[in-house]
Amino acid sequence: MKDSELRRHRERPVPAEVDPSGRALYRAHIRLGQGDGAPRLFFLDATGTGGSVCVGYAGRHLPLR
């Protein structure tokens, strides 16, 4: 993600076994409900590194610009 402001909203804590820095970029998300105002759940598939799926954020859609 090139825009540092957008990246800042999507970088969230993760367990050290997922990333030694303790932070990761959560790009994947799903909409929980219908319509543009429905909350989003941002997640990270870490099954290949830490054996889990990390949830980084649940709420209003994060900024797009």
Protein backbone atom coordinates (compact mmCIF):
# COMPACT_ATOMS: atom_id res chain seq x y z
CA MET A 1 0.00 0.00 0.00
CA LYS A 2 1.65 3.21 -1.17
CA ASP A 3 -0.31 5.87 0.72
CA SER A 4 1.18 6.07 4.23
CA GLU A 5 -2.03 7.51 5.72
CA LEU A 6 -4.13 4.61 4.41
CA ARG A 7 -1.46 2.14 5.51
CA ARG A 8 -1.47 3.61 9.02
CA HIS A 9 -5.18 2.78 9.40
CA ARG A 10 -4.64 -0.81 8.27
CA GLU A 11 -1.49 -1.74 10.19
CA ARG A 12 -2.53 -3.49 13.37
CA PRO A 13 -0.97 -5.59 16.14
CA VAL A 14 -0.35 -9.30 15.61
CA PRO A 15 1.23 -12.00 17.77
CA ALA A 16 5.04 -12.24 17.49
CA GLU A 17 4.75 -15.70 15.89
CA VAL A 18 2.85 -14.10 12.99
CA ASP A 19 5.33 -11.23 12.54
CA PRO A 20 8.33 -10.52 14.82
CA SER A 21 7.68 -6.76 14.56
CA GLY A 22 4.32 -7.28 16.28
CA ARG A 23 2.45 -5.46 13.49
CA ALA A 24 1.02 -6.44 10.11
CA LEU A 25 -0.98 -4.93 7.27
CA TYR A 26 -4.62 -6.05 7.24
CA ARG A 27 -5.86 -5.74 3.64
CA ALA A 28 -8.58 -8.40 3.47
CA HIS A 29 -12.02 -7.49 4.76
CA ILE A 30 -15.63 -8.51 4.59
CA ARG A 31 -18.80 -6.45 4.95
CA LEU A 32 -21.01 -7.47 7.88
CA GLY A 33 -24.48 -6.67 6.63
CA GLN A 34 -25.98 -4.79 3.73
CA GLY A 35 -25.38 -1.32 2.35
CA ASP A 36 -22.42 1.03 2.33
CA GLY A 37 -22.82 1.84 6.03
CA ALA A 38 -22.44 -1.79 7.13
CA PRO A 39 -19.43 -2.46 9.36
CA ARG A 40 -16.33 -4.18 8.01
CA LEU A 41 -14.18 -6.89 9.56
CA PHE A 42 -10.51 -6.62 8.56
CA PHE A 43 -8.54 -9.84 8.98
CA LEU A 44 -5.20 -11.47 8.26
CA ASP A 45 -4.86 -15.11 7.23
CA ALA A 46 -1.86 -16.20 9.28
CA THR A 47 -2.57 -19.93 9.09
CA GLY A 48 0.71 -20.45 7.24
CA THR A 49 2.88 -18.70 9.85
CA GLY A 50 1.07 -18.67 13.18
CA GLY A 51 -1.74 -21.12 12.63
CA SER A 52 -4.52 -18.58 13.10
CA VAL A 53 -6.65 -15.93 11.50
CA CYS A 54 -6.10 -12.53 13.14
CA VAL A 55 -8.89 -9.97 13.34
CA GLY A 56 -7.43 -6.49 13.23
CA TYR A 57 -10.49 -4.28 13.14
CA ALA A 58 -14.28 -4.40 13.16
CA GLY A 59 -16.31 -1.26 12.57
CA ARG A 60 -17.01 1.45 10.01
CA HIS A 61 -15.15 1.10 6.71
CA LEU A 62 -11.63 2.49 6.96
CA PRO A 63 -10.71 5.48 4.75
CA LEU A 64 -10.19 4.78 1.07
CA ARG A 65 -8.42 8.06 0.22
